[in-house]
Amino acid sequence: MALFFDVEWYEARLADRGISRAVLAAVSGMSEVDVGLVFKDQRELSAAEVGAFAELLGVSPAEAALRAGVSTPVPGADPLARIAELERRVAALEATLKSRSS
């Protein structure tokens, strides 16, 4: 993980998409002041904010979090939800195997 907010990377992604920090703030539900603090490494992002940054920039939440230099859990990485999804998939595989052996 990066230790600091990667301003150059974020500025490049914003420029690539023709987006200002004001738009980034609006989409993430933050004030422009808060976005400025994030860019100066004086405020950490929440999981929801990481997700909003990622979606707007067209990158994965993991990439957005990595480049933000935060230890914010990646949206969608809820361990209980992940376990439930894996259990659902295993059950589907077991049902498929059972139907083929019958």
PDB file of N, CA and C in Angstrom:
ATOM      1  N   MET A   1       0.838  -1.174   0.000  1.00  0.00           N
ATOM      2  CA  MET A   1       0.000   0.000   0.000  1.00  0.00           C
ATOM      3  C   MET A   1       0.881   1.233   0.000  1.00  0.00           C
ATOM      4  N   ALA A   2       0.446   2.256  -0.713  1.00  0.00           N
ATOM      5  CA  ALA A   2       1.159   3.524  -0.688  1.00  0.00           C
ATOM      6  C   ALA A   2       1.037   4.127   0.701  1.00  0.00           C
ATOM      7  N   LEU A   3       2.062   4.849   1.094  1.00  0.00           N
ATOM      8  CA  LEU A   3       2.038   5.461   2.418  1.00  0.00           C
ATOM      9  C   LEU A   3       1.329   6.801   2.421  1.00  0.00           C
ATOM     10  N   PHE A   4       1.276   7.433   1.266  1.00  0.00           N
ATOM     11  CA  PHE A   4       0.697   8.763   1.171  1.00  0.00           C
ATOM     12  C   PHE A   4      -0.270   8.828   0.003  1.00  0.00           C
ATOM     13  N   PHE A   5      -1.141   9.829   0.050  1.00  0.00           N
ATOM     14  CA  PHE A   5      -2.080  10.053  -1.040  1.00  0.00           C
ATOM     15  C   PHE A   5      -1.282  10.417  -2.284  1.00  0.00           C
ATOM     16  N   ASP A   6      -1.525   9.713  -3.379  1.00  0.00           N
ATOM     17  CA  ASP A   6      -0.793   9.904  -4.625  1.00  0.00           C
ATOM     18  C   ASP A   6      -1.488  10.990  -5.454  1.00  0.00           C
ATOM     19  N   VAL A   7      -1.149  12.233  -5.143  1.00  0.00           N
ATOM     20  CA  VAL A   7      -1.789  13.381  -5.792  1.00  0.00           C
ATOM     21  C   VAL A   7      -1.584  13.342  -7.302  1.00  0.00           C
ATOM     22  N   GLU A   8      -0.366  13.060  -7.729  1.00  0.00           N
ATOM     23  CA  GLU A   8      -0.082  13.048  -9.170  1.00  0.00           C
ATOM     24  C   GLU A   8      -0.956  12.034  -9.904  1.00  0.00           C
ATOM     25  N   TRP A   9      -1.105  10.847  -9.321  1.00  0.00           N
ATOM     26  CA  TRP A   9      -1.919   9.809  -9.953  1.00  0.00           C
ATOM     27  C   TRP A   9      -3.379  10.255 -10.039  1.00  0.00           C
ATOM     28  N   TYR A  10      -3.911  10.780  -8.914  1.00  0.00           N
ATOM     29  CA  TYR A  10      -5.304  11.234  -8.914  1.00  0.00           C
ATOM     30  C   TYR A  10      -5.515  12.395  -9.888  1.00  0.00           C
ATOM     31  N   GLU A  11      -4.583  13.354  -9.896  1.00  0.00           N
ATOM     32  CA  GLU A  11      -4.709  14.490 -10.817  1.00  0.00           C
ATOM     33  C   GLU A  11      -4.681  14.011 -12.265  1.00  0.00           C
ATOM     34  N   ALA A  12      -3.824  13.035 -12.573  1.00  0.00           N
ATOM     35  CA  ALA A  12      -3.754  12.496 -13.938  1.00  0.00           C
ATOM     36  C   ALA A  12      -5.056  11.807 -14.325  1.00  0.00           C
ATOM     37  N   ARG A  13      -5.641  11.020 -13.413  1.00  0.00           N
ATOM     38  CA  ARG A  13      -6.904  10.336 -13.706  1.00  0.00           C
ATOM     39  C   ARG A  13      -8.018  11.361 -13.917  1.00  0.00           C
ATOM     40  N   LEU A  14      -8.053  12.390 -13.064  1.00  0.00           N
ATOM     41  CA  LEU A  14      -9.072  13.427 -13.224  1.00  0.00           C
ATOM     42  C   LEU A  14      -8.909  14.119 -14.574  1.00  0.00           C
ATOM     43  N   ALA A  15      -7.680  14.464 -14.927  1.00  0.00           N
ATOM     44  CA  ALA A  15      -7.413  15.132 -16.207  1.00  0.00           C
ATOM     45  C   ALA A  15      -7.800  14.244 -17.384  1.00  0.00           C
ATOM     46  N   ASP A  16      -7.477  12.952 -17.288  1.00  0.00           N
ATOM     47  CA  ASP A  16      -7.827  12.011 -18.356  1.00  0.00           C
ATOM     48  C   ASP A  16      -9.329  12.008 -18.628  1.00  0.00           C
ATOM     49  N   ARG A  17     -10.097  12.190 -17.584  1.00  0.00           N
ATOM     50  CA  ARG A  17     -11.556  12.140 -17.717  1.00  0.00           C
ATOM     51  C   ARG A  17     -12.185  13.527 -17.831  1.00  0.00           C
ATOM     52  N   GLY A  18     -11.358  14.579 -17.751  1.00  0.00           N
ATOM     53  CA  GLY A  18     -11.882  15.943 -17.844  1.00  0.00           C
ATOM     54  C   GLY A  18     -12.746  16.316 -16.654  1.00  0.00           C
ATOM     55  N   ILE A  19     -12.354  15.823 -15.481  1.00  0.00           N
ATOM     56  CA  ILE A  19     -13.138  16.012 -14.257  1.00  0.00           C
ATOM     57  C   ILE A  19     -12.352  16.890 -13.292  1.00  0.00           C
ATOM     58  N   SER A  20     -13.061  17.770 -12.603  1.00  0.00           N
ATOM     59  CA  SER A  20     -12.424  18.627 -11.606  1.00  0.00           C
ATOM     60  C   SER A  20     -12.560  18.012 -10.208  1.00  0.00           C
ATOM     61  N   ARG A  21     -11.803  18.563  -9.296  1.00  0.00           N
ATOM     62  CA  ARG A  21     -11.942  18.127  -7.895  1.00  0.00           C
ATOM     63  C   ARG A  21     -13.338  18.431  -7.365  1.00  0.00           C
ATOM     64  N   ALA A  22     -13.955  19.486  -7.877  1.00  0.00           N
ATOM     65  CA  ALA A  22     -15.311  19.836  -7.448  1.00  0.00           C
ATOM     66  C   ALA A  22     -16.291  18.721  -7.802  1.00  0.00           C
ATOM     67  N   VAL A  23     -16.138  18.138  -8.984  1.00  0.00           N
ATOM     68  CA  VAL A  23     -16.999  17.023  -9.388  1.00  0.00           C
ATOM     69  C   VAL A  23     -16.713  15.812  -8.508  1.00  0.00           C
ATOM     70  N   LEU A  24     -15.442  15.557  -8.250  1.00  0.00           N
ATOM     71  CA  LEU A  24     -15.058  14.449  -7.367  1.00  0.00           C
ATOM     72  C   LEU A  24     -15.708  14.620  -6.001  1.00  0.00           C
ATOM     73  N   ALA A  25     -15.694  15.845  -5.496  1.00  0.00           N
ATOM     74  CA  ALA A  25     -16.316  16.133  -4.199  1.00  0.00           C
ATOM     75  C   ALA A  25     -17.815  15.865  -4.250  1.00  0.00           C
ATOM     76  N   ALA A  26     -18.470  16.367  -5.272  1.00  0.00           N
ATOM     77  CA  ALA A  26     -19.925  16.209  -5.379  1.00  0.00           C
ATOM     78  C   ALA A  26     -20.328  14.748  -5.475  1.00  0.00           C
ATOM     79  N   VAL A  27     -19.627  13.983  -6.304  1.00  0.00           N
ATOM     80  CA  VAL A  27     -19.967  12.576  -6.494  1.00  0.00           C
ATOM     81  C   VAL A  27     -19.747  11.769  -5.224  1.00  0.00           C
ATOM     82  N   SER A  28     -18.721  12.122  -4.463  1.00  0.00           N
ATOM     83  CA  SER A  28     -18.399  11.360  -3.255  1.00  0.00           C
ATOM     84  C   SER A  28     -19.129  11.866  -2.017  1.00  0.00           C
ATOM     85  N   GLY A  29     -19.921  12.939  -2.171  1.00  0.00           N
ATOM     86  CA  GLY A  29     -20.663  13.483  -1.039  1.00  0.00           C
ATOM     87  C   GLY A  29     -19.790  14.267  -0.071  1.00  0.00           C
ATOM     88  N   MET A  30     -18.651  14.709  -0.554  1.00  0.00           N
ATOM     89  CA  MET A  30     -17.713  15.466   0.276  1.00  0.00           C
ATOM     90  C   MET A  30     -17.755  16.937  -0.137  1.00  0.00           C
ATOM     91  N   SER A  31     -17.262  17.795   0.747  1.00  0.00           N
ATOM     92  CA  SER A  31     -17.086  19.194   0.372  1.00  0.00           C
ATOM     93  C   SER A  31     -15.763  19.325  -0.374  1.00  0.00           C
ATOM     94  N   GLU A  32     -15.618  20.412  -1.104  1.00  0.00           N
ATOM     95  CA  GLU A  32     -14.356  20.649  -1.794  1.00  0.00           C
ATOM     96  C   GLU A  32     -13.215  20.811  -0.788  1.00  0.00           C
ATOM     97  N   VAL A  33     -13.521  21.365   0.373  1.00  0.00           N
ATOM     98  CA  VAL A  33     -12.516  21.503   1.432  1.00  0.00           C
ATOM     99  C   VAL A  33     -12.045  20.125   1.884  1.00  0.00           C
ATOM    100  N   ASP A  34     -12.994  19.200   2.077  1.00  0.00           N
ATOM    101  CA  ASP A  34     -12.631  17.839   2.481  1.00  0.00           C
ATOM    102  C   ASP A  34     -11.776  17.152   1.422  1.00  0.00           C
ATOM    103  N   VAL A  35     -12.121  17.315   0.151  1.00  0.00           N
ATOM    104  CA  VAL A  35     -11.314  16.726  -0.915  1.00  0.00           C
ATOM    105  C   VAL A  35      -9.907  17.310  -0.879  1.00  0.00           C
ATOM    106  N   GLY A  36      -9.809  18.613  -0.654  1.00  0.00           N
ATOM    107  CA  GLY A  36      -8.496  19.246  -0.541  1.00  0.00           C
ATOM    108  C   GLY A  36      -7.683  18.653   0.598  1.00  0.00           C
ATOM    109  N   LEU A  37      -8.342  18.368   1.715  1.00  0.00           N
ATOM    110  CA  LEU A  37      -7.655  17.753   2.857  1.00  0.00           C
ATOM    111  C   LEU A  37      -7.187  16.339   2.521  1.00  0.00           C
ATOM    112  N   VAL A  38      -8.015  15.608   1.785  1.00  0.00           N
ATOM    113  CA  VAL A  38      -7.638  14.260   1.357  1.00  0.00           C
ATOM    114  C   VAL A  38      -6.390  14.337   0.481  1.00  0.00           C
ATOM    115  N   PHE A  39      -6.394  15.258  -0.469  1.00  0.00           N
ATOM    116  CA  PHE A  39      -5.264  15.399  -1.388  1.00  0.00           C
ATOM    117  C   PHE A  39      -3.992  15.836  -0.651  1.00  0.00           C
ATOM    118  N   LYS A  40      -4.148  16.482   0.517  1.00  0.00           N
ATOM    119  CA  LYS A  40      -2.984  16.893   1.312  1.00  0.00           C
ATOM    120  C   LYS A  40      -2.644  15.870   2.386  1.00  0.00           C
ATOM    121  N   ASP A  41      -3.299  14.712   2.356  1.00  0.00           N
ATOM    122  CA  ASP A  41      -3.053  13.661   3.345  1.00  0.00           C
ATOM    123  C   ASP A  41      -3.421  14.088   4.761  1.00  0.00           C
ATOM    124  N   GLN A  42      -4.443  14.917   4.869  1.00  0.00           N
ATOM    125  CA  GLN A  42      -4.879  15.385   6.178  1.00  0.00           C
ATOM    126  C   GLN A  42      -6.254  14.852   6.556  1.00  0.00           C
ATOM    127  N   ARG A  43      -6.806  14.001   5.693  1.00  0.00           N
ATOM    128  CA  ARG A  43      -8.100  13.364   5.951  1.00  0.00           C
ATOM    129  C   ARG A  43      -8.113  12.043   5.217  1.00  0.00           C
ATOM    130  N   GLU A  44      -8.583  11.006   5.919  1.00  0.00           N
ATOM    131  CA  GLU A  44      -8.687   9.682   5.310  1.00  0.00           C
ATOM    132  C   GLU A  44     -10.051   9.520   4.653  1.00  0.00           C
ATOM    133  N   LEU A  45     -10.110   8.649   3.686  1.00  0.00           N
ATOM    134  CA  LEU A  45     -11.361   8.355   2.992  1.00  0.00           C
ATOM    135  C   LEU A  45     -12.105   7.214   3.675  1.00  0.00           C
ATOM    136  N   SER A  46     -13.424   7.295   3.641  1.00  0.00           N
ATOM    137  CA  SER A  46     -14.251   6.177   4.097  1.00  0.00           C
ATOM    138  C   SER A  46     -14.344   5.167   2.959  1.00  0.00           C
ATOM    139  N   ALA A  47     -14.845   3.997   3.261  1.00  0.00           N
ATOM    140  CA  ALA A  47     -15.031   2.969   2.228  1.00  0.00           C
ATOM    141  C   ALA A  47     -15.969   3.471   1.136  1.00  0.00           C
ATOM    142  N   ALA A  48     -17.028   4.161   1.514  1.00  0.00           N
ATOM    143  CA  ALA A  48     -17.977   4.684   0.518  1.00  0.00           C
ATOM    144  C   ALA A  48     -17.313   5.734  -0.369  1.00  0.00           C
ATOM    145  N   GLU A  49     -16.474   6.577   0.217  1.00  0.00           N
ATOM    146  CA  GLU A  49     -15.776   7.597  -0.558  1.00  0.00           C
ATOM    147  C   GLU A  49     -14.775   6.963  -1.520  1.00  0.00           C
ATOM    148  N   VAL A  50     -14.073   5.936  -1.065  1.00  0.00           N
ATOM    149  CA  VAL A  50     -13.156   5.200  -1.950  1.00  0.00           C
ATOM    150  C   VAL A  50     -13.946   4.649  -3.134  1.00  0.00           C
ATOM    151  N   GLY A  51     -15.099   4.065  -2.859  1.00  0.00           N
ATOM    152  CA  GLY A  51     -15.939   3.512  -3.918  1.00  0.00           C
ATOM    153  C   GLY A  51     -16.378   4.572  -4.910  1.00  0.00           C
ATOM    154  N   ALA A  52     -16.758   5.746  -4.409  1.00  0.00           N
ATOM    155  CA  ALA A  52     -17.182   6.837  -5.288  1.00  0.00           C
ATOM    156  C   ALA A  52     -16.021   7.337  -6.141  1.00  0.00           C
ATOM    157  N   PHE A  53     -14.845   7.485  -5.532  1.00  0.00           N
ATOM    158  CA  PHE A  53     -13.657   7.910  -6.282  1.00  0.00           C
ATOM    159  C   PHE A  53     -13.374   6.890  -7.388  1.00  0.00           C
ATOM    160  N   ALA A  54     -13.410   5.617  -7.029  1.00  0.00           N
ATOM    161  CA  ALA A  54     -13.093   4.555  -7.990  1.00  0.00           C
ATOM    162  C   ALA A  54     -14.067   4.562  -9.161  1.00  0.00           C
ATOM    163  N   GLU A  55     -15.342   4.639  -8.861  1.00  0.00           N
ATOM    164  CA  GLU A  55     -16.352   4.609  -9.920  1.00  0.00           C
ATOM    165  C   GLU A  55     -16.191   5.795 -10.863  1.00  0.00           C
ATOM    166  N   LEU A  56     -15.983   6.974 -10.302  1.00  0.00           N
ATOM    167  CA  LEU A  56     -15.840   8.170 -11.125  1.00  0.00           C
ATOM    168  C   LEU A  56     -14.587   8.111 -11.990  1.00  0.00           C
ATOM    169  N   LEU A  57     -13.516   7.540 -11.447  1.00  0.00           N
ATOM    170  CA  LEU A  57     -12.247   7.490 -12.171  1.00  0.00           C
ATOM    171  C   LEU A  57     -12.115   6.255 -13.060  1.00  0.00           C
ATOM    172  N   GLY A  58     -13.058   5.321 -12.953  1.00  0.00           N
ATOM    173  CA  GLY A  58     -13.016   4.130 -13.790  1.00  0.00           C
ATOM    174  C   GLY A  58     -11.927   3.154 -13.399  1.00  0.00           C
ATOM    175  N   VAL A  59     -11.658   3.066 -12.099  1.00  0.00           N
ATOM    176  CA  VAL A  59     -10.655   2.129 -11.589  1.00  0.00           C
ATOM    177  C   VAL A  59     -11.312   1.261 -10.527  1.00  0.00           C
ATOM    178  N   SER A  60     -10.616   0.221 -10.118  1.00  0.00           N
ATOM    179  CA  SER A  60     -11.169  -0.637  -9.068  1.00  0.00           C
ATOM    180  C   SER A  60     -11.079   0.075  -7.713  1.00  0.00           C
ATOM    181  N   PRO A  61     -11.977  -0.270  -6.793  1.00  0.00           N
ATOM    182  CA  PRO A  61     -11.873   0.299  -5.448  1.00  0.00           C
ATOM    183  C   PRO A  61     -10.518  -0.003  -4.800  1.00  0.00           C
ATOM    184  N   ALA A  62      -9.967  -1.174  -5.081  1.00  0.00           N
ATOM    185  CA  ALA A  62      -8.662  -1.523  -4.521  1.00  0.00           C
ATOM    186  C   ALA A  62      -7.586  -0.565  -5.023  1.00  0.00           C
ATOM    187  N   GLU A  63      -7.622  -0.236  -6.320  1.00  0.00           N
ATOM    188  CA  GLU A  63      -6.643   0.713  -6.889  1.00  0.00           C
ATOM    189  C   GLU A  63      -6.829   2.097  -6.281  1.00  0.00           C
ATOM    190  N   ALA A  64      -8.080   2.545  -6.162  1.00  0.00           N
ATOM    191  CA  ALA A  64      -8.343   3.864  -5.580  1.00  0.00           C
ATOM    192  C   ALA A  64      -7.850   3.930  -4.137  1.00  0.00           C
ATOM    193  N   ALA A  65      -8.089   2.873  -3.366  1.00  0.00           N
ATOM    194  CA  ALA A  65      -7.631   2.842  -1.973  1.00  0.00           C
ATOM    195  C   ALA A  65      -6.113   2.809  -1.902  1.00  0.00           C
ATOM    196  N   LEU A  66      -5.505   1.994  -2.748  1.00  0.00           N
ATOM    197  CA  LEU A  66      -4.044   1.906  -2.770  1.00  0.00           C
ATOM    198  C   LEU A  66      -3.432   3.269  -3.066  1.00  0.00           C
ATOM    199  N   ARG A  67      -3.941   3.939  -4.099  1.00  0.00           N
ATOM    200  CA  ARG A  67      -3.394   5.237  -4.491  1.00  0.00           C
ATOM    201  C   ARG A  67      -3.725   6.330  -3.491  1.00  0.00           C
ATOM    202  N   ALA A  68      -4.753   6.108  -2.655  1.00  0.00           N
ATOM    203  CA  ALA A  68      -5.101   7.079  -1.616  1.00  0.00           C
ATOM    204  C   ALA A  68      -4.227   6.903  -0.380  1.00  0.00           C
ATOM    205  N   GLY A  69      -3.506   5.775  -0.308  1.00  0.00           N
ATOM    206  CA  GLY A  69      -2.613   5.551   0.814  1.00  0.00           C
ATOM    207  C   GLY A  69      -3.342   5.377   2.139  1.00  0.00           C
ATOM    208  N   VAL A  70      -4.541   4.814   2.059  1.00  0.00           N
ATOM    209  CA  VAL A  70      -5.332   4.644   3.280  1.00  0.00           C
ATOM    210  C   VAL A  70      -5.539   3.165   3.576  1.00  0.00           C
ATOM    211  N   SER A  71      -5.870   2.903   4.791  1.00  0.00           N
ATOM    212  CA  SER A  71      -6.139   1.525   5.190  1.00  0.00           C
ATOM    213  C   SER A  71      -7.632   1.245   5.177  1.00  0.00           C
ATOM    214  N   THR A  72      -8.368   2.074   4.450  1.00  0.00           N
ATOM    215  CA  THR A  72      -9.818   1.923   4.345  1.00  0.00           C
ATOM    216  C   THR A  72     -10.154   0.587   3.704  1.00  0.00           C
ATOM    217  N   PRO A  73     -11.046  -0.170   4.325  1.00  0.00           N
ATOM    218  CA  PRO A  73     -11.472  -1.414   3.674  1.00  0.00           C
ATOM    219  C   PRO A  73     -12.075  -1.109   2.307  1.00  0.00           C
ATOM    220  N   VAL A  74     -11.805  -1.966   1.384  1.00  0.00           N
ATOM    221  CA  VAL A  74     -12.331  -1.798   0.034  1.00  0.00           C
ATOM    222  C   VAL A  74     -13.821  -2.089   0.043  1.00  0.00           C
ATOM    223  N   PRO A  75     -14.631  -1.203  -0.556  1.00  0.00           N
ATOM    224  CA  PRO A  75     -16.064  -1.482  -0.619  1.00  0.00           C
ATOM    225  C   PRO A  75     -16.313  -2.843  -1.264  1.00  0.00           C
ATOM    226  N   GLY A  76     -17.243  -3.581  -0.710  1.00  0.00           N
ATOM    227  CA  GLY A  76     -17.554  -4.898  -1.240  1.00  0.00           C
ATOM    228  C   GLY A  76     -16.683  -5.992  -0.661  1.00  0.00           C
ATOM    229  N   ALA A  77     -15.761  -5.605   0.221  1.00  0.00           N
ATOM    230  CA  ALA A  77     -14.857  -6.585   0.801  1.00  0.00           C
ATOM    231  C   ALA A  77     -15.336  -7.036   2.180  1.00  0.00           C
ATOM    232  N   ASP A  78     -16.625  -6.867   2.451  1.00  0.00           N
ATOM    233  CA  ASP A  78     -17.201  -7.298   3.726  1.00  0.00           C
ATOM    234  C   ASP A  78     -17.002  -8.799   3.856  1.00  0.00           C
ATOM    235  N   PRO A  79     -16.257  -9.242   4.879  1.00  0.00           N
ATOM    236  CA  PRO A  79     -15.948 -10.671   4.973  1.00  0.00           C
ATOM    237  C   PRO A  79     -17.183 -11.559   5.093  1.00  0.00           C
ATOM    238  N   LEU A  80     -18.208 -11.109   5.793  1.00  0.00           N
ATOM    239  CA  LEU A  80     -19.409 -11.938   5.935  1.00  0.00           C
ATOM    240  C   LEU A  80     -20.140 -12.074   4.603  1.00  0.00           C
ATOM    241  N   ALA A  81     -20.184 -10.995   3.843  1.00  0.00           N
ATOM    242  CA  ALA A  81     -20.811 -11.062   2.523  1.00  0.00           C
ATOM    243  C   ALA A  81     -20.002 -11.968   1.606  1.00  0.00           C
ATOM    244  N   ARG A  82     -18.693 -11.871   1.702  1.00  0.00           N
ATOM    245  CA  ARG A  82     -17.812 -12.719   0.872  1.00  0.00           C
ATOM    246  C   ARG A  82     -18.008 -14.194   1.217  1.00  0.00           C
ATOM    247  N   ILE A  83     -18.093 -14.515   2.501  1.00  0.00           N
ATOM    248  CA  ILE A  83     -18.313 -15.896   2.932  1.00  0.00           C
ATOM    249  C   ILE A  83     -19.668 -16.399   2.427  1.00  0.00           C
ATOM    250  N   ALA A  84     -20.688 -15.562   2.546  1.00  0.00           N
ATOM    251  CA  ALA A  84     -22.022 -15.954   2.075  1.00  0.00           C
ATOM    252  C   ALA A  84     -22.008 -16.236   0.574  1.00  0.00           C
ATOM    253  N   GLU A  85     -21.301 -15.399  -0.184  1.00  0.00           N
ATOM    254  CA  GLU A  85     -21.202 -15.600  -1.632  1.00  0.00           C
ATOM    255  C   GLU A  85     -20.467 -16.899  -1.939  1.00  0.00           C
ATOM    256  N   LEU A  86     -19.386 -17.175  -1.238  1.00  0.00           N
ATOM    257  CA  LEU A  86     -18.637 -18.418  -1.464  1.00  0.00           C
ATOM    258  C   LEU A  86     -19.481 -19.640  -1.108  1.00  0.00           C
ATOM    259  N   GLU A  87     -20.236 -19.565  -0.015  1.00  0.00           N
ATOM    260  CA  GLU A  87     -21.107 -20.678   0.370  1.00  0.00           C
ATOM    261  C   GLU A  87     -22.183 -20.914  -0.692  1.00  0.00           C
ATOM    262  N   ARG A  88     -22.717 -19.842  -1.257  1.00  0.00           N
ATOM    263  CA  ARG A  88     -23.724 -19.966  -2.312  1.00  0.00           C
ATOM    264  C   ARG A  88     -23.117 -20.660  -3.531  1.00  0.00           C
ATOM    265  N   ARG A  89     -21.906 -20.273  -3.890  1.00  0.00           N
ATOM    266  CA  ARG A  89     -21.250 -20.867  -5.047  1.00  0.00           C
ATOM    267  C   ARG A  89     -20.925 -22.340  -4.825  1.00  0.00           C
ATOM    268  N   VAL A  90     -20.467 -22.672  -3.629  1.00  0.00           N
ATOM    269  CA  VAL A  90     -20.166 -24.077  -3.318  1.00  0.00           C
ATOM    270  C   VAL A  90     -21.442 -24.904  -3.384  1.00  0.00           C
ATOM    271  N   ALA A  91     -22.528 -24.384  -2.831  1.00  0.00           N
ATOM    272  CA  ALA A  91     -23.803 -25.110  -2.869  1.00  0.00           C
ATOM    273  C   ALA A  91     -24.252 -25.338  -4.314  1.00  0.00           C
ATOM    274  N   ALA A  92     -24.078 -24.348  -5.172  1.00  0.00           N
ATOM    275  CA  ALA A  92     -24.450 -24.491  -6.579  1.00  0.00           C
ATOM    276  C   ALA A  92     -23.586 -25.552  -7.260  1.00  0.00           C
ATOM    277  N   LEU A  93     -22.301 -25.560  -6.966  1.00  0.00           N
ATOM    278  CA  LEU A  93     -21.408 -26.582  -7.533  1.00  0.00           C
ATOM    279  C   LEU A  93     -21.780 -27.979  -7.043  1.00  0.00           C
ATOM    280  N   GLU A  94     -22.067 -28.086  -5.755  1.00  0.00           N
ATOM    281  CA  GLU A  94     -22.460 -29.392  -5.204  1.00  0.00           C
ATOM    282  C   GLU A  94     -23.749 -29.878  -5.849  1.00  0.00           C
ATOM    283  N   ALA A  95     -24.701 -28.979  -6.075  1.00  0.00           N
ATOM    284  CA  ALA A  95     -25.964 -29.364  -6.714  1.00  0.00           C
ATOM    285  C   ALA A  95     -25.714 -29.830  -8.146  1.00  0.00           C
ATOM    286  N   THR A  96     -24.833 -29.142  -8.841  1.00  0.00           N
ATOM    287  CA  THR A  96     -24.504 -29.538 -10.217  1.00  0.00           C
ATOM    288  C   THR A  96     -23.871 -30.924 -10.236  1.00  0.00           C
ATOM    289  N   LEU A  97     -22.910 -31.148  -9.350  1.00  0.00           N
ATOM    290  CA  LEU A  97     -22.238 -32.449  -9.276  1.00  0.00           C
ATOM    291  C   LEU A  97     -23.228 -33.567  -8.905  1.00  0.00           C
ATOM    292  N   LYS A  98     -24.112 -33.270  -7.990  1.00  0.00           N
ATOM    293  CA  LYS A  98     -25.096 -34.271  -7.571  1.00  0.00           C
ATOM    294  C   LYS A  98     -26.023 -34.619  -8.739  1.00  0.00           C
ATOM    295  N   SER A  99     -26.436 -33.620  -9.487  1.00  0.00           N
ATOM    296  CA  SER A  99     -27.359 -33.887 -10.603  1.00  0.00           C
ATOM    297  C   SER A  99     -26.659 -34.682 -11.723  1.00  0.00           C
ATOM    298  N   ARG A 100     -25.374 -34.482 -11.882  1.00  0.00           N
ATOM    299  CA  ARG A 100     -24.627 -35.231 -12.908  1.00  0.00           C
ATOM    300  C   ARG A 100     -24.356 -36.678 -12.506  1.00  0.00           C
ATOM    301  N   SER A 101     -24.272 -36.916 -11.218  1.00  0.00           N
ATOM    302  CA  SER A 101     -23.992 -38.293 -10.762  1.00  0.00           C
ATOM    303  C   SER A 101     -25.261 -39.115 -10.611  1.00  0.00           C
ATOM    304  N   SER A 102     -26.399 -38.496 -10.715  1.00  0.00           N
ATOM    305  CA  SER A 102     -27.680 -39.218 -10.560  1.00  0.00           C
ATOM    306  C   SER A 102     -28.145 -39.849 -11.842  1.00  0.00           C
TER     307      SER A 102
END
